[in-house]
Amino acid sequence: MKQFIEAGEFVTTHGVMGELKLYPWCDGPEFVTALPRLFFTPEGGRETKVEAVRAHKGMCLVKLKGVDSIDAARPYIRKVAYFSRADVKLPEGRYFVQDIVGCTVKDADTGVEYGVITAVEHPAAIDVYTVENSGGETFLFPAVPEFLDTLSPEQGVVTVRPIPGMFTNDGGNDDAD
């Protein structure tokens, strides 16, 4: 699991005092408001202290230490900001999306492998996993308690209890490739 996770992208400046508008890629602006620092490389380089963050119209207004003017803020536009996993405590049973992507999907009862999670979307009240099998076919899996058995990103496995046809394109049986 990666140590540094994408918080979002700075999309523009806000005002003339060095604030930046961050488009959050995580649970939302409220999540970002608790971060004490941000990084500017996927490996955690260029640590910068966060002086202030506030939610504003679905975005975050971020004041970084040492960025005190619009001219000082402009170089951050289009930069991705990362946070350290160590700065966040998730509730039991909750995981970062990037920890789920790459997990192998297996049948909880038979052990059959259906594929690998390649994306996680959140189009409504539930997460939807894109699962790609060994033949390159993709399937959408609704991550609801009726179908999702266990999430074990630490082991790289997600176990499921699918209905017939969920992992086939022809509506037939669920035999994996």
N, C-alpha and C. Protein backbone atom coordinates (compact mmCIF):
# COMPACT_ATOMS: atom_id res chain seq x y z
N MET A 1 0.84 -1.18 0.00
CA MET A 1 0.00 0.00 0.00
C MET A 1 0.89 1.25 0.00
N LYS A 2 0.49 2.21 -0.79
CA LYS A 2 1.27 3.44 -0.90
C LYS A 2 1.21 4.24 0.39
N GLN A 3 2.32 4.91 0.70
CA GLN A 3 2.39 5.76 1.89
C GLN A 3 1.75 7.12 1.62
N PHE A 4 1.84 7.60 0.38
CA PHE A 4 1.33 8.92 0.05
C PHE A 4 0.18 8.79 -0.95
N ILE A 5 -0.93 9.44 -0.63
CA ILE A 5 -2.18 9.27 -1.36
C ILE A 5 -2.64 10.62 -1.90
N GLU A 6 -3.21 10.61 -3.09
CA GLU A 6 -3.66 11.84 -3.72
C GLU A 6 -4.80 12.49 -2.93
N ALA A 7 -4.60 13.75 -2.57
CA ALA A 7 -5.65 14.52 -1.91
C ALA A 7 -6.50 15.26 -2.94
N GLY A 8 -5.85 15.68 -4.01
CA GLY A 8 -6.56 16.41 -5.05
C GLY A 8 -5.61 17.25 -5.88
N GLU A 9 -6.20 18.12 -6.68
CA GLU A 9 -5.41 18.96 -7.59
C GLU A 9 -5.74 20.43 -7.34
N PHE A 10 -4.71 21.25 -7.28
CA PHE A 10 -4.92 22.69 -7.18
C PHE A 10 -5.36 23.19 -8.55
N VAL A 11 -6.50 23.84 -8.62
CA VAL A 11 -7.06 24.24 -9.91
C VAL A 11 -6.93 25.73 -10.20
N THR A 12 -6.85 26.54 -9.16
CA THR A 12 -6.69 27.98 -9.37
C THR A 12 -6.34 28.64 -8.04
N THR A 13 -6.08 29.92 -8.12
CA THR A 13 -5.85 30.70 -6.90
C THR A 13 -7.19 31.21 -6.40
N HIS A 14 -7.18 31.73 -5.16
CA HIS A 14 -8.40 32.32 -4.59
C HIS A 14 -7.97 33.58 -3.84
N GLY A 15 -8.38 34.72 -4.35
CA GLY A 15 -8.00 35.98 -3.74
C GLY A 15 -6.55 36.34 -4.03
N VAL A 16 -6.03 37.30 -3.27
CA VAL A 16 -4.68 37.79 -3.52
C VAL A 16 -3.70 37.46 -2.41
N MET A 17 -4.14 36.72 -1.38
CA MET A 17 -3.30 36.45 -0.21
C MET A 17 -2.65 35.06 -0.26
N GLY A 18 -2.67 34.40 -1.41
CA GLY A 18 -1.95 33.14 -1.56
C GLY A 18 -2.79 31.90 -1.35
N GLU A 19 -4.10 32.04 -1.18
CA GLU A 19 -4.93 30.85 -1.05
C GLU A 19 -5.06 30.15 -2.40
N LEU A 20 -5.20 28.84 -2.33
CA LEU A 20 -5.36 28.02 -3.53
C LEU A 20 -6.65 27.22 -3.42
N LYS A 21 -7.27 27.00 -4.57
CA LYS A 21 -8.49 26.19 -4.63
C LYS A 21 -8.08 24.77 -5.02
N LEU A 22 -8.40 23.81 -4.12
CA LEU A 22 -8.06 22.41 -4.34
C LEU A 22 -9.32 21.65 -4.68
N TYR A 23 -9.28 20.93 -5.81
CA TYR A 23 -10.37 20.02 -6.16
C TYR A 23 -10.06 18.69 -5.48
N PRO A 24 -10.86 18.31 -4.46
CA PRO A 24 -10.52 17.09 -3.69
C PRO A 24 -10.82 15.82 -4.46
N TRP A 25 -9.88 14.87 -4.41
CA TRP A 25 -10.05 13.56 -5.01
C TRP A 25 -10.37 12.52 -3.95
N CYS A 26 -10.54 12.94 -2.73
CA CYS A 26 -10.83 12.01 -1.64
C CYS A 26 -12.31 12.15 -1.26
N ASP A 27 -12.68 11.75 -0.06
CA ASP A 27 -14.09 11.75 0.34
C ASP A 27 -14.77 13.10 0.22
N GLY A 28 -14.03 14.17 0.23
CA GLY A 28 -14.63 15.48 0.09
C GLY A 28 -13.81 16.54 0.80
N PRO A 29 -14.27 17.77 0.74
CA PRO A 29 -13.52 18.88 1.33
C PRO A 29 -13.31 18.71 2.84
N GLU A 30 -14.28 18.15 3.52
CA GLU A 30 -14.17 18.00 4.97
C GLU A 30 -12.98 17.11 5.35
N PHE A 31 -12.71 16.09 4.53
CA PHE A 31 -11.58 15.20 4.78
C PHE A 31 -10.27 15.99 4.72
N VAL A 32 -10.15 16.87 3.72
CA VAL A 32 -8.92 17.63 3.52
C VAL A 32 -8.70 18.63 4.65
N THR A 33 -9.76 19.13 5.25
CA THR A 33 -9.60 20.15 6.30
C THR A 33 -8.82 19.63 7.51
N ALA A 34 -8.74 18.32 7.69
CA ALA A 34 -8.03 17.74 8.83
C ALA A 34 -6.55 17.45 8.53
N LEU A 35 -6.10 17.68 7.33
CA LEU A 35 -4.72 17.35 6.97
C LEU A 35 -3.74 18.44 7.44
N PRO A 36 -2.70 18.07 8.18
CA PRO A 36 -1.76 19.07 8.69
C PRO A 36 -0.68 19.47 7.69
N ARG A 37 -0.49 18.65 6.66
CA ARG A 37 0.57 18.91 5.69
C ARG A 37 0.22 18.24 4.37
N LEU A 38 0.82 18.74 3.31
CA LEU A 38 0.65 18.17 1.98
C LEU A 38 2.03 17.95 1.38
N PHE A 39 2.08 17.08 0.38
CA PHE A 39 3.32 16.74 -0.31
C PHE A 39 3.07 16.93 -1.80
N PHE A 40 4.15 17.09 -2.55
CA PHE A 40 3.98 17.39 -3.97
C PHE A 40 4.64 16.40 -4.91
N THR A 41 4.97 15.22 -4.39
CA THR A 41 5.39 14.12 -5.25
C THR A 41 4.74 12.85 -4.71
N PRO A 42 4.54 11.83 -5.55
CA PRO A 42 3.93 10.58 -5.08
C PRO A 42 4.79 9.86 -4.03
N GLU A 43 6.06 10.25 -3.92
CA GLU A 43 6.95 9.64 -2.94
C GLU A 43 7.02 10.44 -1.66
N GLY A 44 6.28 11.54 -1.60
CA GLY A 44 6.26 12.36 -0.39
C GLY A 44 7.23 13.51 -0.37
N GLY A 45 7.77 13.86 -1.51
CA GLY A 45 8.72 14.97 -1.57
C GLY A 45 8.04 16.33 -1.44
N ARG A 46 8.84 17.31 -1.07
CA ARG A 46 8.39 18.71 -0.93
C ARG A 46 7.24 18.84 0.07
N GLU A 47 7.48 18.43 1.30
CA GLU A 47 6.47 18.58 2.35
C GLU A 47 6.21 20.06 2.59
N THR A 48 4.93 20.40 2.69
CA THR A 48 4.52 21.78 2.96
C THR A 48 3.45 21.77 4.04
N LYS A 49 3.65 22.58 5.05
CA LYS A 49 2.67 22.69 6.13
C LYS A 49 1.42 23.41 5.62
N VAL A 50 0.28 22.96 6.11
CA VAL A 50 -0.98 23.60 5.78
C VAL A 50 -1.32 24.56 6.92
N GLU A 51 -1.44 25.84 6.60
CA GLU A 51 -1.78 26.83 7.62
C GLU A 51 -3.28 26.88 7.89
N ALA A 52 -4.06 26.71 6.84
CA ALA A 52 -5.52 26.75 6.99
C ALA A 52 -6.17 26.07 5.79
N VAL A 53 -7.31 25.44 6.06
CA VAL A 53 -8.12 24.84 5.00
C VAL A 53 -9.57 25.04 5.38
N ARG A 54 -10.37 25.38 4.39
CA ARG A 54 -11.82 25.45 4.64
C ARG A 54 -12.55 24.97 3.39
N ALA A 55 -13.67 24.32 3.64
CA ALA A 55 -14.52 23.85 2.55
C ALA A 55 -15.23 25.05 1.95
N HIS A 56 -15.36 25.04 0.62
CA HIS A 56 -16.02 26.15 -0.07
C HIS A 56 -16.60 25.65 -1.39
N LYS A 57 -17.92 25.49 -1.44
CA LYS A 57 -18.62 25.09 -2.66
C LYS A 57 -18.07 23.80 -3.27
N GLY A 58 -17.87 22.77 -2.45
CA GLY A 58 -17.39 21.49 -2.92
C GLY A 58 -15.89 21.43 -3.17
N MET A 59 -15.22 22.51 -2.93
CA MET A 59 -13.77 22.59 -3.10
C MET A 59 -13.15 22.89 -1.73
N CYS A 60 -11.85 22.99 -1.71
CA CYS A 60 -11.12 23.37 -0.50
C CYS A 60 -10.31 24.62 -0.81
N LEU A 61 -10.39 25.57 0.08
CA LEU A 61 -9.51 26.74 -0.01
C LEU A 61 -8.37 26.47 0.95
N VAL A 62 -7.16 26.40 0.39
CA VAL A 62 -5.99 25.98 1.15
C VAL A 62 -4.98 27.11 1.22
N LYS A 63 -4.49 27.34 2.44
CA LYS A 63 -3.41 28.32 2.66
C LYS A 63 -2.18 27.53 3.08
N LEU A 64 -1.16 27.53 2.23
CA LEU A 64 0.09 26.82 2.51
C LEU A 64 1.09 27.76 3.17
N LYS A 65 1.88 27.21 4.08
CA LYS A 65 2.90 28.00 4.75
C LYS A 65 3.89 28.53 3.72
N GLY A 66 4.17 29.83 3.80
CA GLY A 66 5.13 30.46 2.90
C GLY A 66 4.55 30.92 1.58
N VAL A 67 3.28 30.65 1.34
CA VAL A 67 2.61 31.10 0.12
C VAL A 67 1.67 32.23 0.53
N ASP A 68 2.18 33.47 0.36
CA ASP A 68 1.48 34.63 0.91
C ASP A 68 1.00 35.64 -0.12
N SER A 69 1.08 35.27 -1.40
CA SER A 69 0.60 36.18 -2.43
C SER A 69 0.08 35.38 -3.61
N ILE A 70 -0.65 36.04 -4.47
CA ILE A 70 -1.16 35.36 -5.66
C ILE A 70 -0.01 34.90 -6.54
N ASP A 71 1.07 35.69 -6.60
CA ASP A 71 2.23 35.29 -7.42
C ASP A 71 2.91 34.04 -6.85
N ALA A 72 2.97 33.93 -5.54
CA ALA A 72 3.57 32.75 -4.91
C ALA A 72 2.67 31.52 -5.07
N ALA A 73 1.36 31.73 -5.23
CA ALA A 73 0.41 30.63 -5.36
C ALA A 73 0.34 30.07 -6.78
N ARG A 74 0.56 30.91 -7.77
CA ARG A 74 0.39 30.49 -9.17
C ARG A 74 1.18 29.24 -9.57
N PRO A 75 2.42 29.04 -9.11
CA PRO A 75 3.15 27.82 -9.52
C PRO A 75 2.50 26.51 -9.04
N TYR A 76 1.59 26.57 -8.09
CA TYR A 76 0.92 25.36 -7.59
C TYR A 76 -0.27 24.93 -8.45
N ILE A 77 -0.74 25.82 -9.32
CA ILE A 77 -1.89 25.50 -10.16
C ILE A 77 -1.54 24.29 -11.04
N ARG A 78 -2.46 23.33 -11.10
CA ARG A 78 -2.35 22.07 -11.84
C ARG A 78 -1.40 21.07 -11.17
N LYS A 79 -0.98 21.35 -9.95
CA LYS A 79 -0.15 20.40 -9.20
C LYS A 79 -1.06 19.49 -8.37
N VAL A 80 -0.69 18.23 -8.29
CA VAL A 80 -1.40 17.26 -7.46
C VAL A 80 -0.80 17.32 -6.07
N ALA A 81 -1.68 17.36 -5.07
CA ALA A 81 -1.25 17.36 -3.68
C ALA A 81 -1.51 15.98 -3.08
N TYR A 82 -0.58 15.50 -2.28
CA TYR A 82 -0.65 14.19 -1.65
C TYR A 82 -0.66 14.37 -0.14
N PHE A 83 -1.23 13.39 0.57
CA PHE A 83 -1.15 13.38 2.03
C PHE A 83 -0.54 12.07 2.47
N SER A 84 -0.03 12.08 3.68
CA SER A 84 0.59 10.89 4.23
C SER A 84 -0.46 10.02 4.91
N ARG A 85 -0.39 8.74 4.66
CA ARG A 85 -1.29 7.79 5.31
C ARG A 85 -1.19 7.92 6.84
N ALA A 86 0.00 8.27 7.33
CA ALA A 86 0.22 8.40 8.77
C ALA A 86 -0.58 9.56 9.39
N ASP A 87 -1.02 10.51 8.57
CA ASP A 87 -1.76 11.67 9.08
C ASP A 87 -3.26 11.42 9.20
N VAL A 88 -3.72 10.22 8.80
CA VAL A 88 -5.15 9.95 8.74
C VAL A 88 -5.47 8.65 9.46
N LYS A 89 -6.52 8.64 10.22
CA LYS A 89 -7.01 7.41 10.86
C LYS A 89 -8.40 7.13 10.29
N LEU A 90 -8.51 6.05 9.51
CA LEU A 90 -9.80 5.68 8.93
C LEU A 90 -10.60 4.84 9.92
N PRO A 91 -11.91 4.95 9.87
CA PRO A 91 -12.75 4.08 10.71
C PRO A 91 -12.57 2.61 10.32
N GLU A 92 -12.83 1.73 11.24
CA GLU A 92 -12.75 0.28 11.01
C GLU A 92 -13.55 -0.10 9.76
N GLY A 93 -12.94 -0.89 8.88
CA GLY A 93 -13.62 -1.37 7.70
C GLY A 93 -13.63 -0.41 6.53
N ARG A 94 -12.98 0.74 6.68
CA ARG A 94 -12.90 1.72 5.58
C ARG A 94 -11.49 1.70 5.00
N TYR A 95 -11.39 1.86 3.68
CA TYR A 95 -10.11 1.80 3.00
C TYR A 95 -10.02 2.92 1.99
N PHE A 96 -8.80 3.26 1.62
CA PHE A 96 -8.58 4.20 0.55
C PHE A 96 -8.84 3.49 -0.78
N VAL A 97 -9.41 4.20 -1.74
CA VAL A 97 -9.71 3.62 -3.05
C VAL A 97 -8.46 3.00 -3.66
N GLN A 98 -7.34 3.69 -3.57
CA GLN A 98 -6.13 3.16 -4.21
C GLN A 98 -5.66 1.87 -3.57
N ASP A 99 -6.11 1.56 -2.35
CA ASP A 99 -5.78 0.28 -1.73
C ASP A 99 -6.63 -0.85 -2.29
N ILE A 100 -7.82 -0.51 -2.76
CA ILE A 100 -8.74 -1.51 -3.32
C ILE A 100 -8.40 -1.81 -4.78
N VAL A 101 -8.00 -0.77 -5.52
CA VAL A 101 -7.61 -0.97 -6.92
C VAL A 101 -6.39 -1.89 -6.95
N GLY A 102 -6.48 -2.92 -7.78
CA GLY A 102 -5.41 -3.90 -7.89
C GLY A 102 -5.68 -5.18 -7.11
N CYS A 103 -6.71 -5.17 -6.28
CA CYS A 103 -7.05 -6.39 -5.53
C CYS A 103 -7.67 -7.43 -6.46
N THR A 104 -7.40 -8.69 -6.17
CA THR A 104 -8.00 -9.80 -6.89
C THR A 104 -9.38 -10.06 -6.33
N VAL A 105 -10.36 -10.27 -7.20
CA VAL A 105 -11.73 -10.56 -6.79
C VAL A 105 -11.95 -12.07 -6.86
N LYS A 106 -12.31 -12.65 -5.70
CA LYS A 106 -12.54 -14.10 -5.63
C LYS A 106 -13.92 -14.40 -5.09
N ASP A 107 -14.46 -15.54 -5.51
CA ASP A 107 -15.74 -16.00 -4.99
C ASP A 107 -15.53 -16.48 -3.55
N ALA A 108 -16.35 -15.99 -2.63
CA ALA A 108 -16.20 -16.34 -1.21
C ALA A 108 -16.47 -17.81 -0.94
N ASP A 109 -17.30 -18.43 -1.76
CA ASP A 109 -17.67 -19.83 -1.52
C ASP A 109 -16.80 -20.82 -2.29
N THR A 110 -16.45 -20.48 -3.53
CA THR A 110 -15.73 -21.45 -4.38
C THR A 110 -14.25 -21.13 -4.57
N GLY A 111 -13.85 -19.89 -4.29
CA GLY A 111 -12.47 -19.49 -4.51
C GLY A 111 -12.15 -19.13 -5.95
N VAL A 112 -13.14 -19.20 -6.84
CA VAL A 112 -12.93 -18.85 -8.24
C VAL A 112 -12.50 -17.39 -8.34
N GLU A 113 -11.48 -17.12 -9.14
CA GLU A 113 -11.02 -15.75 -9.36
C GLU A 113 -11.76 -15.14 -10.54
N TYR A 114 -12.36 -13.96 -10.31
CA TYR A 114 -13.11 -13.29 -11.37
C TYR A 114 -12.29 -12.24 -12.10
N GLY A 115 -11.24 -11.74 -11.47
CA GLY A 115 -10.42 -10.72 -12.10
C GLY A 115 -9.80 -9.80 -11.07
N VAL A 116 -9.41 -8.62 -11.55
CA VAL A 116 -8.73 -7.63 -10.72
C VAL A 116 -9.51 -6.32 -10.78
N ILE A 117 -9.62 -5.65 -9.65
CA ILE A 117 -10.29 -4.35 -9.62
C ILE A 117 -9.38 -3.32 -10.28
N THR A 118 -9.90 -2.65 -11.31
CA THR A 118 -9.11 -1.66 -12.04
C THR A 118 -9.56 -0.23 -11.75
N ALA A 119 -10.76 -0.07 -11.19
CA ALA A 119 -11.26 1.27 -10.86
C ALA A 119 -12.38 1.16 -9.84
N VAL A 120 -12.55 2.23 -9.08
CA VAL A 120 -13.66 2.33 -8.14
C VAL A 120 -14.36 3.65 -8.42
N GLU A 121 -15.63 3.57 -8.73
CA GLU A 121 -16.44 4.77 -8.98
C GLU A 121 -17.48 4.90 -7.88
N HIS A 122 -17.99 6.09 -7.72
CA HIS A 122 -19.02 6.33 -6.70
C HIS A 122 -20.15 7.15 -7.35
N PRO A 123 -20.90 6.52 -8.27
CA PRO A 123 -21.91 7.28 -9.02
C PRO A 123 -23.14 7.67 -8.21
N ALA A 124 -23.39 6.98 -7.12
CA ALA A 124 -24.57 7.28 -6.30
C ALA A 124 -24.24 6.94 -4.85
N ALA A 125 -25.13 6.24 -4.19
CA ALA A 125 -24.96 5.92 -2.78
C ALA A 125 -24.00 4.76 -2.52
N ILE A 126 -23.58 4.06 -3.57
CA ILE A 126 -22.70 2.90 -3.39
C ILE A 126 -21.47 3.02 -4.27
N ASP A 127 -20.43 2.28 -3.91
CA ASP A 127 -19.26 2.19 -4.78
C ASP A 127 -19.53 1.12 -5.84
N VAL A 128 -18.97 1.34 -7.01
CA VAL A 128 -19.05 0.37 -8.09
C VAL A 128 -17.62 0.07 -8.52
N TYR A 129 -17.24 -1.22 -8.46
CA TYR A 129 -15.90 -1.64 -8.83
C TYR A 129 -15.91 -2.08 -10.29
N THR A 130 -14.91 -1.66 -11.04
CA THR A 130 -14.67 -2.20 -12.37
C THR A 130 -13.70 -3.36 -12.21
N VAL A 131 -14.12 -4.54 -12.65
CA VAL A 131 -13.31 -5.75 -12.51
C VAL A 131 -12.94 -6.22 -13.91
N GLU A 132 -11.64 -6.43 -14.14
CA GLU A 132 -11.17 -6.92 -15.43
C GLU A 132 -10.66 -8.35 -15.27
N ASN A 133 -11.20 -9.25 -16.12
CA ASN A 133 -10.76 -10.64 -16.03
C ASN A 133 -9.51 -10.86 -16.88
N SER A 134 -8.99 -12.10 -16.86
CA SER A 134 -7.74 -12.40 -17.57
C SER A 134 -7.87 -12.27 -19.08
N GLY A 135 -9.10 -12.30 -19.59
CA GLY A 135 -9.33 -12.13 -21.02
C GLY A 135 -9.50 -10.69 -21.44
N GLY A 136 -9.39 -9.76 -20.50
CA GLY A 136 -9.52 -8.34 -20.81
C GLY A 136 -10.95 -7.82 -20.78
N GLU A 137 -11.91 -8.69 -20.44
CA GLU A 137 -13.30 -8.23 -20.33
C GLU A 137 -13.48 -7.49 -19.01
N THR A 138 -14.34 -6.47 -19.02
CA THR A 138 -14.60 -5.72 -17.79
C THR A 138 -16.05 -5.89 -17.37
N PHE A 139 -16.23 -5.87 -16.05
CA PHE A 139 -17.55 -6.02 -15.45
C PHE A 139 -17.70 -5.01 -14.34
N LEU A 140 -18.90 -4.52 -14.17
CA LEU A 140 -19.19 -3.60 -13.08
C LEU A 140 -19.77 -4.38 -11.91
N PHE A 141 -19.20 -4.18 -10.74
CA PHE A 141 -19.62 -4.90 -9.55
C PHE A 141 -20.11 -3.90 -8.51
N PRO A 142 -21.40 -3.95 -8.13
CA PRO A 142 -21.90 -3.04 -7.09
C PRO A 142 -21.43 -3.54 -5.72
N ALA A 143 -20.69 -2.71 -5.01
CA ALA A 143 -20.11 -3.09 -3.73
C ALA A 143 -21.13 -2.89 -2.60
N VAL A 144 -22.15 -3.72 -2.63
CA VAL A 144 -23.20 -3.67 -1.61
C VAL A 144 -23.09 -4.91 -0.73
N PRO A 145 -23.58 -4.85 0.50
CA PRO A 145 -23.44 -5.99 1.43
C PRO A 145 -24.00 -7.30 0.89
N GLU A 146 -25.00 -7.25 0.01
CA GLU A 146 -25.57 -8.47 -0.56
C GLU A 146 -24.57 -9.25 -1.41
N PHE A 147 -23.62 -8.55 -2.03
CA PHE A 147 -22.66 -9.18 -2.93
C PHE A 147 -21.22 -9.16 -2.41
N LEU A 148 -20.88 -8.16 -1.63
CA LEU A 148 -19.51 -7.98 -1.13
C LEU A 148 -19.36 -8.74 0.18
N ASP A 149 -18.44 -9.70 0.20
CA ASP A 149 -18.22 -10.51 1.40
C ASP A 149 -17.17 -9.85 2.30
N THR A 150 -15.93 -9.77 1.84
CA THR A 150 -14.88 -9.15 2.64
C THR A 150 -13.94 -8.32 1.77
N LEU A 151 -13.47 -7.24 2.35
CA LEU A 151 -12.42 -6.42 1.75
C LEU A 151 -11.15 -6.70 2.55
N SER A 152 -10.11 -7.15 1.89
CA SER A 152 -8.83 -7.40 2.55
C SER A 152 -7.69 -6.82 1.71
N PRO A 153 -7.64 -5.49 1.59
CA PRO A 153 -6.58 -4.89 0.77
C PRO A 153 -5.18 -5.24 1.24
N GLU A 154 -5.02 -5.49 2.54
CA GLU A 154 -3.70 -5.86 3.05
C GLU A 154 -3.21 -7.15 2.39
N GLN A 155 -4.14 -8.05 2.08
CA GLN A 155 -3.81 -9.31 1.40
C GLN A 155 -4.02 -9.21 -0.11
N GLY A 156 -4.55 -8.09 -0.59
CA GLY A 156 -4.77 -7.91 -2.01
C GLY A 156 -5.96 -8.70 -2.54
N VAL A 157 -6.95 -8.97 -1.66
CA VAL A 157 -8.09 -9.81 -2.05
C VAL A 157 -9.40 -9.17 -1.62
N VAL A 158 -10.39 -9.28 -2.50
CA VAL A 158 -11.77 -8.93 -2.19
C VAL A 158 -12.60 -10.17 -2.48
N THR A 159 -13.34 -10.65 -1.49
CA THR A 159 -14.19 -11.82 -1.74
C THR A 159 -15.63 -11.36 -1.92
N VAL A 160 -16.32 -12.03 -2.84
CA VAL A 160 -17.67 -11.63 -3.24
C VAL A 160 -18.60 -12.83 -3.31
N ARG A 161 -19.89 -12.54 -3.32
CA ARG A 161 -20.94 -13.55 -3.53
C ARG A 161 -21.84 -13.02 -4.65
N PRO A 162 -21.42 -13.20 -5.90
CA PRO A 162 -22.17 -12.63 -7.02
C PRO A 162 -23.42 -13.45 -7.37
N ILE A 163 -24.32 -12.78 -8.04
CA ILE A 163 -25.48 -13.48 -8.60
C ILE A 163 -25.07 -14.07 -9.95
N PRO A 164 -25.78 -15.09 -10.43
CA PRO A 164 -25.43 -15.68 -11.74
C PRO A 164 -25.41 -14.62 -12.85
N GLY A 165 -24.37 -14.67 -13.66
CA GLY A 165 -24.25 -13.75 -14.78
C GLY A 165 -23.51 -12.46 -14.48
N MET A 166 -23.20 -12.19 -13.22
CA MET A 166 -22.57 -10.93 -12.86
C MET A 166 -21.18 -10.77 -13.49
N PHE A 167 -20.45 -11.88 -13.64
CA PHE A 167 -19.11 -11.82 -14.21
C PHE A 167 -19.01 -12.50 -15.56
N THR A 168 -20.10 -12.45 -16.33
CA THR A 168 -20.08 -12.94 -17.70
C THR A 168 -20.78 -11.92 -18.57
N ASN A 169 -20.40 -11.89 -19.82
CA ASN A 169 -21.04 -10.95 -20.76
C ASN A 169 -22.22 -11.58 -21.49
N ASP A 170 -22.41 -12.89 -21.31
CA ASP A 170 -23.49 -13.55 -22.03
C ASP A 170 -24.67 -13.93 -21.14
N GLY A 171 -24.58 -13.55 -19.85
CA GLY A 171 -25.68 -13.89 -18.95
C GLY A 171 -25.66 -15.34 -18.51
N GLY A 172 -24.61 -16.08 -18.87
CA GLY A 172 -24.50 -17.49 -18.53
C GLY A 172 -23.97 -17.71 -17.13
N ASN A 173 -23.18 -18.77 -16.97
CA ASN A 173 -22.68 -19.07 -15.64
C ASN A 173 -21.48 -18.18 -15.29
N ASP A 174 -21.01 -18.31 -14.06
CA ASP A 174 -19.95 -17.43 -13.55
C ASP A 174 -18.56 -18.05 -13.62
N ASP A 175 -18.35 -19.03 -14.47
CA ASP A 175 -17.02 -19.64 -14.53
C ASP A 175 -16.00 -18.60 -14.94
N ALA A 176 -14.91 -18.50 -14.20
CA ALA A 176 -13.86 -17.53 -14.51
C ALA A 176 -13.03 -18.04 -15.67
N ASP A 177 -12.38 -17.11 -16.37
CA ASP A 177 -11.49 -17.49 -17.48
C ASP A 177 -10.22 -18.11 -16.95
